[in-house]
C-alpha atoms as a PDB file:
ATOM      1  CA  UNK A   1      -0.249  -0.593   0.188  1.00  0.00           C
ATOM      2  CA  UNK A   2       2.884   2.525   1.203  1.00  0.00           C
ATOM      3  CA  UNK A   3       4.500   1.760  -2.207  1.00  0.00           C
ATOM      4  CA  UNK A   4       1.591   2.539  -4.217  1.00  0.00           C
ATOM      5  CA  UNK A   5       1.105   6.157  -2.618  1.00  0.00           C
ATOM      6  CA  UNK A   6       3.983   6.592  -2.800  1.00  0.00           C
ATOM      7  CA  UNK A   7       4.143   6.284  -6.813  1.00  0.00           C
ATOM      8  CA  UNK A   8       1.134   7.855  -7.283  1.00  0.00           C
ATOM      9  CA  UNK A   9       1.948  10.787  -5.452  1.00  0.00           C
ATOM     10  CA  UNK A  10       5.856  11.214  -6.673  1.00  0.00           C
ATOM     11  CA  UNK A  11       4.937  11.306 -10.180  1.00  0.00           C
ATOM     12  CA  UNK A  12       5.886   7.674 -11.496  1.00  0.00           C
ATOM     13  CA  UNK A  13       4.800   5.561 -13.623  1.00  0.00           C
ATOM     14  CA  UNK A  14       2.008   3.111 -12.185  1.00  0.00           C
ATOM     15  CA  UNK A  15      -0.285   0.301 -13.939  1.00  0.00           C
ATOM     16  CA  UNK A  16      -0.946   0.765 -17.157  1.00  0.00           C
ATOM     17  CA  UNK A  17      -0.434   4.923 -16.485  1.00  0.00           C
ATOM     18  CA  UNK A  18      -3.520   5.663 -15.882  1.00  0.00           C
ATOM     19  CA  UNK A  19      -5.537   8.108 -14.025  1.00  0.00           C
ATOM     20  CA  UNK A  20      -5.911   7.737 -10.485  1.00  0.00           C
ATOM     21  CA  UNK A  21      -9.738   7.798  -8.856  1.00  0.00           C
ATOM     22  CA  UNK A  22     -10.485   9.693  -5.482  1.00  0.00           C
ATOM     23  CA  UNK A  23     -14.189   9.008  -4.701  1.00  0.00           C
ATOM     24  CA  UNK A  24     -16.853   8.531  -1.762  1.00  0.00           C
ATOM     25  CA  UNK A  25     -19.582  10.043  -0.836  1.00  0.00           C
ATOM     26  CA  UNK A  26     -18.974  13.965   1.198  1.00  0.00           C
ATOM     27  CA  UNK A  27     -19.461  12.704   4.467  1.00  0.00           C
ATOM     28  CA  UNK A  28     -19.653   9.706   6.505  1.00  0.00           C
ATOM     29  CA  UNK A  29     -23.856   9.379   7.112  1.00  0.00           C
ATOM     30  CA  UNK A  30     -23.678   5.390   8.042  1.00  0.00           C
ATOM     31  CA  UNK A  31     -22.052   2.046   7.725  1.00  0.00           C
ATOM     32  CA  UNK A  32     -24.081   0.737   5.330  1.00  0.00           C
ATOM     33  CA  UNK A  33     -23.168   3.820   2.949  1.00  0.00           C
ATOM     34  CA  UNK A  34     -19.811   3.674   3.022  1.00  0.00           C
ATOM     35  CA  UNK A  35     -19.370   0.748   2.343  1.00  0.00           C
ATOM     36  CA  UNK A  36     -22.036  -0.080  -0.374  1.00  0.00           C
ATOM     37  CA  UNK A  37     -20.195   2.541  -2.077  1.00  0.00           C
ATOM     38  CA  UNK A  38     -16.762   1.513  -1.430  1.00  0.00           C
ATOM     39  CA  UNK A  39     -17.714  -2.088  -2.544  1.00  0.00           C
ATOM     40  CA  UNK A  40     -18.989  -0.808  -5.819  1.00  0.00           C
ATOM     41  CA  UNK A  41     -16.126   1.818  -6.753  1.00  0.00           C
ATOM     42  CA  UNK A  42     -13.568  -0.891  -5.922  1.00  0.00           C
ATOM     43  CA  UNK A  43     -14.971  -3.377  -8.462  1.00  0.00           C
ATOM     44  CA  UNK A  44     -15.222  -0.547 -10.637  1.00  0.00           C
ATOM     45  CA  UNK A  45     -11.766   0.312 -10.784  1.00  0.00           C
ATOM     46  CA  UNK A  46     -10.767  -2.829 -11.128  1.00  0.00           C
ATOM     47  CA  UNK A  47     -12.329  -3.616 -13.906  1.00  0.00           C
ATOM     48  CA  UNK A  48     -10.670  -0.977 -15.328  1.00  0.00           C
ATOM     49  CA  UNK A  49      -7.453  -0.432 -13.797  1.00  0.00           C
ATOM     50  CA  UNK A  50      -7.916   2.391 -12.386  1.00  0.00           C
ATOM     51  CA  UNK A  51      -6.214   3.060  -8.929  1.00  0.00           C
ATOM     52  CA  UNK A  52      -9.096   4.025  -6.178  1.00  0.00           C
ATOM     53  CA  UNK A  53      -8.194   6.478  -3.046  1.00  0.00           C
ATOM     54  CA  UNK A  54     -12.165   5.923  -0.865  1.00  0.00           C
ATOM     55  CA  UNK A  55     -13.232   9.710   0.495  1.00  0.00           C
ATOM     56  CA  UNK A  56     -15.253  10.544   2.506  1.00  0.00           C
ATOM     57  CA  UNK A  57     -14.762  13.617   5.328  1.00  0.00           C
ATOM     58  CA  UNK A  58     -15.966  12.565   8.945  1.00  0.00           C
ATOM     59  CA  UNK A  59     -17.291  16.264   9.507  1.00  0.00           C
ATOM     60  CA  UNK A  60     -18.068  18.938   7.672  1.00  0.00           C
ATOM     61  CA  UNK A  61     -17.245  21.816   9.224  1.00  0.00           C
ATOM     62  CA  UNK A  62     -17.866  24.116   6.500  1.00  0.00           C
ATOM     63  CA  UNK A  63     -21.691  24.481   5.882  1.00  0.00           C
ATOM     64  CA  UNK A  64     -23.643  27.604   5.294  1.00  0.00           C
ATOM     65  CA  UNK A  65     -26.423  26.928   7.569  1.00  0.00           C
ATOM     66  CA  UNK A  66     -25.919  26.168  10.821  1.00  0.00           C
ATOM     67  CA  UNK A  67     -28.719  23.877  10.737  1.00  0.00           C
ATOM     68  CA  UNK A  68     -27.001  21.272   8.056  1.00  0.00           C
ATOM     69  CA  UNK A  69     -25.830  17.738   8.599  1.00  0.00           C
ATOM     70  CA  UNK A  70     -22.180  17.938  10.369  1.00  0.00           C
ATOM     71  CA  UNK A  71     -21.454  14.143  11.124  1.00  0.00           C
ATOM     72  CA  UNK A  72     -22.322  11.002  12.709  1.00  0.00           C
ATOM     73  CA  UNK A  73     -19.908  11.640  15.172  1.00  0.00           C
ATOM     74  CA  UNK A  74     -15.971  12.637  14.934  1.00  0.00           C
ATOM     75  CA  UNK A  75     -14.035   8.871  16.296  1.00  0.00           C
ATOM     76  CA  UNK A  76     -17.164   7.078  15.003  1.00  0.00           C
ATOM     77  CA  UNK A  77     -16.797   8.187  11.546  1.00  0.00           C
ATOM     78  CA  UNK A  78     -13.465   8.144  11.535  1.00  0.00           C
ATOM     79  CA  UNK A  79     -13.247   4.356  12.361  1.00  0.00           C
ATOM     80  CA  UNK A  80     -15.698   3.648  10.071  1.00  0.00           C
ATOM     81  CA  UNK A  81     -13.323   5.150   6.820  1.00  0.00           C
ATOM     82  CA  UNK A  82     -10.233   2.913   8.279  1.00  0.00           C
ATOM     83  CA  UNK A  83     -12.871   0.476   8.088  1.00  0.00           C
ATOM     84  CA  UNK A  84     -13.603   0.791   4.476  1.00  0.00           C
ATOM     85  CA  UNK A  85      -9.270   0.640   3.907  1.00  0.00           C
ATOM     86  CA  UNK A  86      -9.095  -2.709   5.621  1.00  0.00           C
ATOM     87  CA  UNK A  87     -12.206  -4.773   3.977  1.00  0.00           C
ATOM     88  CA  UNK A  88     -11.360  -3.673   0.229  1.00  0.00           C
ATOM     89  CA  UNK A  89      -7.881  -3.617   0.513  1.00  0.00           C
ATOM     90  CA  UNK A  90      -7.411  -0.224  -0.535  1.00  0.00           C
ATOM     91  CA  UNK A  91      -5.731   3.765   0.313  1.00  0.00           C
ATOM     92  CA  UNK A  92      -8.637   6.104   2.079  1.00  0.00           C
ATOM     93  CA  UNK A  93      -8.881   9.805   2.703  1.00  0.00           C
ATOM     94  CA  UNK A  94     -10.765  12.651   4.608  1.00  0.00           C
ATOM     95  CA  UNK A  95     -10.234  16.299   5.055  1.00  0.00           C
ATOM     96  CA  UNK A  96      -9.048  17.720   8.406  1.00  0.00           C
ATOM     97  CA  UNK A  97     -10.040  21.643   9.464  1.00  0.00           C
ATOM     98  CA  UNK A  98      -7.599  22.636  12.400  1.00  0.00           C
ATOM     99  CA  UNK A  99      -3.805  21.892  12.921  1.00  0.00           C
ATOM    100  CA  UNK A 100      -5.514  19.513  16.069  1.00  0.00           C
ATOM    101  CA  UNK A 101      -7.524  17.229  13.881  1.00  0.00           C
ATOM    102  CA  UNK A 102      -4.096  16.366  12.039  1.00  0.00           C
ATOM    103  CA  UNK A 103      -2.497  13.956  14.074  1.00  0.00           C
ATOM    104  CA  UNK A 104      -5.531  12.069  15.392  1.00  0.00           C
ATOM    105  CA  UNK A 105      -7.150  12.005  11.413  1.00  0.00           C
ATOM    106  CA  UNK A 106      -3.838  10.370  10.583  1.00  0.00           C
ATOM    107  CA  UNK A 107      -4.319   7.287  13.089  1.00  0.00           C
ATOM    108  CA  UNK A 108      -7.255   6.642  10.607  1.00  0.00           C
ATOM    109  CA  UNK A 109      -6.408   7.573   7.363  1.00  0.00           C
ATOM    110  CA  UNK A 110      -3.389   7.224   4.422  1.00  0.00           C
ATOM    111  CA  UNK A 111      -3.676  10.332   2.789  1.00  0.00           C
ATOM    112  CA  UNK A 112      -5.191  14.087   4.541  1.00  0.00           C
ATOM    113  CA  UNK A 113      -7.378  16.469   2.407  1.00  0.00           C
ATOM    114  CA  UNK A 114      -6.352  20.553   3.578  1.00  0.00           C
ATOM    115  CA  UNK A 115     -10.185  22.097   2.467  1.00  0.00           C
ATOM    116  CA  UNK A 116     -10.203  25.248  -0.382  1.00  0.00           C
ATOM    117  CA  UNK A 117     -10.733  27.936   2.720  1.00  0.00           C
ATOM    118  CA  UNK A 118      -7.807  26.692   4.855  1.00  0.00           C
ATOM    119  CA  UNK A 119      -5.482  26.067   2.022  1.00  0.00           C
ATOM    120  CA  UNK A 120      -3.738  29.487   3.370  1.00  0.00           C
ATOM    121  CA  UNK A 121      -3.340  28.333   6.886  1.00  0.00           C
ATOM    122  CA  UNK A 122      -0.033  28.086   8.006  1.00  0.00           C
ATOM    123  CA  UNK A 123      -0.189  25.578  10.983  1.00  0.00           C
ATOM    124  CA  UNK A 124      -2.519  23.394   9.002  1.00  0.00           C
ATOM    125  CA  UNK A 125      -0.879  22.788   6.584  1.00  0.00           C
ATOM    126  CA  UNK A 126       2.483  22.432   8.975  1.00  0.00           C
ATOM    127  CA  UNK A 127       0.299  20.264  11.208  1.00  0.00           C
ATOM    128  CA  UNK A 128      -0.740  17.951   8.570  1.00  0.00           C
ATOM    129  CA  UNK A 129       3.067  17.916   7.008  1.00  0.00           C
ATOM    130  CA  UNK A 130       4.651  16.317  10.083  1.00  0.00           C
ATOM    131  CA  UNK A 131       2.278  13.436   9.637  1.00  0.00           C
ATOM    132  CA  UNK A 132       4.394  12.110   7.652  1.00  0.00           C
ATOM    133  CA  UNK A 133       1.293  11.277   5.583  1.00  0.00           C
ATOM    134  CA  UNK A 134       0.525  12.064   2.071  1.00  0.00           C
ATOM    135  CA  UNK A 135      -1.240  16.183   1.634  1.00  0.00           C
ATOM    136  CA  UNK A 136      -3.767  16.973  -0.940  1.00  0.00           C
ATOM    137  CA  UNK A 137      -4.218  20.245  -0.838  1.00  0.00           C
ATOM    138  CA  UNK A 138      -7.123  21.630  -2.575  1.00  0.00           C
ATOM    139  CA  UNK A 139      -6.610  25.498  -4.439  1.00  0.00           C
ATOM    140  CA  UNK A 140      -8.349  27.946  -3.277  1.00  0.00           C
ATOM    141  CA  UNK A 141     -11.906  29.121  -5.050  1.00  0.00           C
ATOM    142  CA  UNK A 142      -9.673  33.041  -4.775  1.00  0.00           C
ATOM    143  CA  UNK A 143      -6.074  31.444  -5.960  1.00  0.00           C
ATOM    144  CA  UNK A 144      -4.253  31.019  -9.067  1.00  0.00           C
ATOM    145  CA  UNK A 145      -3.038  27.505  -9.787  1.00  0.00           C
ATOM    146  CA  UNK A 146       1.091  28.904  -9.780  1.00  0.00           C
ATOM    147  CA  UNK A 147       0.633  30.566  -6.522  1.00  0.00           C
ATOM    148  CA  UNK A 148      -0.229  27.124  -5.071  1.00  0.00           C
ATOM    149  CA  UNK A 149       3.409  26.838  -4.602  1.00  0.00           C
ATOM    150  CA  UNK A 150       3.594  28.360  -1.548  1.00  0.00           C
ATOM    151  CA  UNK A 151       1.234  25.856  -0.244  1.00  0.00           C
ATOM    152  CA  UNK A 152       3.554  23.107  -0.890  1.00  0.00           C
ATOM    153  CA  UNK A 153       6.504  24.847   0.025  1.00  0.00           C
ATOM    154  CA  UNK A 154       5.152  25.063   3.331  1.00  0.00           C
ATOM    155  CA  UNK A 155       4.398  21.140   3.277  1.00  0.00           C
ATOM    156  CA  UNK A 156       7.692  20.307   1.811  1.00  0.00           C
ATOM    157  CA  UNK A 157      10.057  22.264   4.142  1.00  0.00           C
ATOM    158  CA  UNK A 158       8.774  19.961   6.805  1.00  0.00           C
ATOM    159  CA  UNK A 159       9.779  17.662   5.224  1.00  0.00           C
ATOM    160  CA  UNK A 160       7.222  15.461   3.868  1.00  0.00           C
ATOM    161  CA  UNK A 161       7.277  15.319   0.295  1.00  0.00           C
ATOM    162  CA  UNK A 162       4.039  13.905  -0.353  1.00  0.00           C
ATOM    163  CA  UNK A 163       2.128  16.746  -1.426  1.00  0.00           C
ATOM    164  CA  UNK A 164      -0.851  16.677  -4.270  1.00  0.00           C
ATOM    165  CA  UNK A 165      -2.875  19.485  -5.706  1.00  0.00           C
ATOM    166  CA  UNK A 166      -6.525  20.032  -5.923  1.00  0.00           C
ATOM    167  CA  UNK A 167      -8.471  21.956  -9.319  1.00  0.00           C
ATOM    168  CA  UNK A 168     -11.453  22.872  -8.091  1.00  0.00           C
ATOM    169  CA  UNK A 169     -12.403  25.910  -9.741  1.00  0.00           C
ATOM    170  CA  UNK A 170     -12.351  30.077  -9.116  1.00  0.00           C
ATOM    171  CA  UNK A 171     -15.309  32.158  -8.031  1.00  0.00           C
ATOM    172  CA  UNK A 172     -17.477  33.329 -10.766  1.00  0.00           C
ATOM    173  CA  UNK A 173     -20.001  36.071  -8.814  1.00  0.00           C
ATOM    174  CA  UNK A 174     -21.506  35.744  -5.945  1.00  0.00           C
ATOM    175  CA  UNK A 175     -23.165  32.275  -6.733  1.00  0.00           C
ATOM    176  CA  UNK A 176     -21.123  30.457  -9.275  1.00  0.00           C
ATOM    177  CA  UNK A 177     -17.420  28.695 -10.450  1.00  0.00           C
ATOM    178  CA  UNK A 178     -15.820  28.285 -13.253  1.00  0.00           C
ATOM    179  CA  UNK A 179     -12.600  26.091 -13.952  1.00  0.00           C
ATOM    180  CA  UNK A 180      -9.787  27.549 -15.746  1.00  0.00           C
ATOM    181  CA  UNK A 181      -7.980  24.451 -17.175  1.00  0.00           C
ATOM    182  CA  UNK A 182      -4.865  25.996 -17.546  1.00  0.00           C
ATOM    183  CA  UNK A 183      -4.141  25.493 -13.667  1.00  0.00           C
ATOM    184  CA  UNK A 184      -4.139  22.440 -14.694  1.00  0.00           C
ATOM    185  CA  UNK A 185      -0.686  22.499 -16.664  1.00  0.00           C
ATOM    186  CA  UNK A 186       0.121  25.288 -14.665  1.00  0.00           C
ATOM    187  CA  UNK A 187       0.346  23.424 -11.024  1.00  0.00           C
ATOM    188  CA  UNK A 188       2.004  20.490 -12.158  1.00  0.00           C
ATOM    189  CA  UNK A 189       5.068  22.784 -13.468  1.00  0.00           C
ATOM    190  CA  UNK A 190       5.662  22.914  -9.433  1.00  0.00           C
ATOM    191  CA  UNK A 191       5.994  18.794  -9.952  1.00  0.00           C
ATOM    192  CA  UNK A 192       3.230  17.447  -7.929  1.00  0.00           C
ATOM    193  CA  UNK A 193       0.130  15.569  -8.572  1.00  0.00           C
ATOM    194  CA  UNK A 194      -2.528  17.854  -9.902  1.00  0.00           C
ATOM    195  CA  UNK A 195      -5.997  16.296  -9.749  1.00  0.00           C
ATOM    196  CA  UNK A 196      -9.185  17.777 -10.649  1.00  0.00           C
ATOM    197  CA  UNK A 197     -12.432  17.677  -8.276  1.00  0.00           C
ATOM    198  CA  UNK A 198     -15.132  17.484 -10.607  1.00  0.00           C
ATOM    199  CA  UNK A 199     -18.332  17.970  -8.091  1.00  0.00           C
ATOM    200  CA  UNK A 200     -16.993  20.479  -5.809  1.00  0.00           C
ATOM    201  CA  UNK A 201     -15.784  22.943  -9.036  1.00  0.00           C
ATOM    202  CA  UNK A 202     -19.677  22.281 -10.501  1.00  0.00           C
ATOM    203  CA  UNK A 203     -21.036  23.586  -6.868  1.00  0.00           C
ATOM    204  CA  UNK A 204     -23.243  26.630  -6.964  1.00  0.00           C
ATOM    205  CA  UNK A 205     -22.331  28.560  -3.368  1.00  0.00           C
ATOM    206  CA  UNK A 206     -23.885  30.675  -1.227  1.00  0.00           C
ATOM    207  CA  UNK A 207     -27.757  30.080  -2.093  1.00  0.00           C
ATOM    208  CA  UNK A 208     -30.246  32.371  -0.122  1.00  0.00           C
ATOM    209  CA  UNK A 209     -31.817  29.208   0.918  1.00  0.00           C
ATOM    210  CA  UNK A 210     -29.232  28.559   2.900  1.00  0.00           C
ATOM    211  CA  UNK A 211     -28.045  24.793   1.052  1.00  0.00           C
ATOM    212  CA  UNK A 212     -25.024  24.921  -1.432  1.00  0.00           C
ATOM    213  CA  UNK A 213     -26.366  24.604  -5.171  1.00  0.00           C
ATOM    214  CA  UNK A 214     -24.835  22.933  -8.362  1.00  0.00           C
ATOM    215  CA  UNK A 215     -24.805  21.049 -11.711  1.00  0.00           C
ATOM    216  CA  UNK A 216     -23.846  17.311 -11.780  1.00  0.00           C
ATOM    217  CA  UNK A 217     -25.312  17.158 -15.570  1.00  0.00           C
ATOM    218  CA  UNK A 218     -21.708  18.706 -16.204  1.00  0.00           C
ATOM    219  CA  UNK A 219     -19.804  16.695 -13.889  1.00  0.00           C
ATOM    220  CA  UNK A 220     -18.315  13.922 -17.737  1.00  0.00           C
ATOM    221  CA  UNK A 221     -17.704  17.680 -19.051  1.00  0.00           C
ATOM    222  CA  UNK A 222     -15.552  18.765 -16.488  1.00  0.00           C
ATOM    223  CA  UNK A 223     -13.755  14.993 -16.106  1.00  0.00           C
ATOM    224  CA  UNK A 224     -13.093  14.708 -19.881  1.00  0.00           C
ATOM    225  CA  UNK A 225     -11.340  18.572 -19.949  1.00  0.00           C
ATOM    226  CA  UNK A 226      -9.081  17.553 -17.018  1.00  0.00           C
ATOM    227  CA  UNK A 227      -7.778  14.276 -18.553  1.00  0.00           C
ATOM    228  CA  UNK A 228      -7.638  16.021 -21.808  1.00  0.00           C
ATOM    229  CA  UNK A 229      -5.490  18.108 -20.136  1.00  0.00           C
ATOM    230  CA  UNK A 230      -3.197  16.795 -18.722  1.00  0.00           C
ATOM    231  CA  UNK A 231      -4.711  15.981 -14.880  1.00  0.00           C
ATOM    232  CA  UNK A 232      -3.358  13.146 -13.009  1.00  0.00           C
ATOM    233  CA  UNK A 233      -6.383  12.102 -11.036  1.00  0.00           C
ATOM    234  CA  UNK A 234     -10.170  12.736 -10.604  1.00  0.00           C
ATOM    235  CA  UNK A 235     -11.961  13.072  -7.717  1.00  0.00           C
ATOM    236  CA  UNK A 236     -15.772  12.783  -7.622  1.00  0.00           C
ATOM    237  CA  UNK A 237     -18.046  12.530  -4.886  1.00  0.00           C
ATOM    238  CA  UNK A 238     -20.412  10.061  -5.437  1.00  0.00           C
ATOM    239  CA  UNK A 239     -23.680   8.664  -3.569  1.00  0.00           C
ATOM    240  CA  UNK A 240     -26.634   5.974  -4.581  1.00  0.00           C
ATOM    241  CA  UNK A 241     -28.996   8.629  -3.782  1.00  0.00           C
ATOM    242  CA  UNK A 242     -28.434  12.395  -4.242  1.00  0.00           C
ATOM    243  CA  UNK A 243     -31.466  13.836  -3.517  1.00  0.00           C
ATOM    244  CA  UNK A 244     -31.446  12.466   0.159  1.00  0.00           C
ATOM    245  CA  UNK A 245     -27.932  12.740   0.553  1.00  0.00           C
ATOM    246  CA  UNK A 246     -26.999  14.659   3.950  1.00  0.00           C
ATOM    247  CA  UNK A 247     -24.167  17.245   2.082  1.00  0.00           C
ATOM    248  CA  UNK A 248     -23.660  18.207  -0.966  1.00  0.00           C
ATOM    249  CA  UNK A 249     -26.233  16.098  -2.691  1.00  0.00           C
ATOM    250  CA  UNK A 250     -26.668  18.804  -5.436  1.00  0.00           C
ATOM    251  CA  UNK A 251     -23.269  18.760  -7.090  1.00  0.00           C
ATOM    252  CA  UNK A 252     -22.777  14.880  -6.294  1.00  0.00           C
ATOM    253  CA  UNK A 253     -22.506  11.846  -9.126  1.00  0.00           C
ATOM    254  CA  UNK A 254     -25.326   9.014  -9.365  1.00  0.00           C
ATOM    255  CA  UNK A 255     -23.580   5.922  -8.419  1.00  0.00           C
ATOM    256  CA  UNK A 256     -24.507   4.131 -11.301  1.00  0.00           C
ATOM    257  CA  UNK A 257     -23.259   6.570 -13.800  1.00  0.00           C
ATOM    258  CA  UNK A 258     -19.863   6.236 -12.203  1.00  0.00           C
ATOM    259  CA  UNK A 259     -18.868   2.987 -14.213  1.00  0.00           C
ATOM    260  CA  UNK A 260     -19.781   4.582 -17.820  1.00  0.00           C
ATOM    261  CA  UNK A 261     -18.190   7.858 -16.786  1.00  0.00           C
ATOM    262  CA  UNK A 262     -15.057   6.187 -16.344  1.00  0.00           C
ATOM    263  CA  UNK A 263     -14.792   4.341 -19.212  1.00  0.00           C
ATOM    264  CA  UNK A 264     -15.005   6.726 -21.490  1.00  0.00           C
ATOM    265  CA  UNK A 265     -12.934   8.565 -19.066  1.00  0.00           C
ATOM    266  CA  UNK A 266      -9.926   5.738 -19.524  1.00  0.00           C
ATOM    267  CA  UNK A 267     -10.607   5.715 -23.023  1.00  0.00           C
ATOM    268  CA  UNK A 268      -9.542   9.499 -23.210  1.00  0.00           C
ATOM    269  CA  UNK A 269      -6.414   9.054 -21.544  1.00  0.00           C
ATOM    270  CA  UNK A 270      -5.077   6.329 -23.784  1.00  0.00           C
ATOM    271  CA  UNK A 271      -5.354   8.557 -26.619  1.00  0.00           C
ATOM    272  CA  UNK A 272      -3.646  11.292 -24.774  1.00  0.00           C
ATOM    273  CA  UNK A 273      -0.170   9.366 -23.553  1.00  0.00           C
END
């Protein structure tokens, strides 16, 4: 597992040189949900030879409304994410929000994810780096791709060179995002793997209803363009029934649509390498 992840996050060749996938529900809702999604996605990725990393947030700290669902309890959720990794023999990731959470979460997952809004928080980046885990940093909606070199430097200065960057679009007005695909190429020049977040890039934040909107019908468009422009990995949140998901249902991919999408993307990847 360690060698597998090291290869993914050091720009080395792996498998058939396919892209890798980070996928799962937005947040841990229940054991049945995370195990069901992990089982389905693991089988699909094995079939298509796509390296797979399971993702689920153990807690949602950034919600529009105080009434929004945040989680089932930190320790309980983290234990479930860890169990997913053991049961299906796959690496796992979750996001952290404060420096104090880094060491705690690192006991349960293989990769720590830094949310976009927090990508400039020096103490958080340093704490994540010191765990020795891979650190995936989401590019802030308010930043350019090249400016993410400073986040990477903060992590590498702590002796941790296992870093990835995630593109998730830029703020466009008050309630929309737009993806500038130049950022994929420009962030790859920082010499780290670059992942396209195909679902959060389609969010419509800051809705007056207190719930973030989205355009999931465009996930395929975002993913195809990302692979065509050289993304090393894709980040896709998925759920059997996004309409009842407790977080980010408006922009998640319905689980049954993931396999046909990946089949198309594998063909695009094969055509460009």
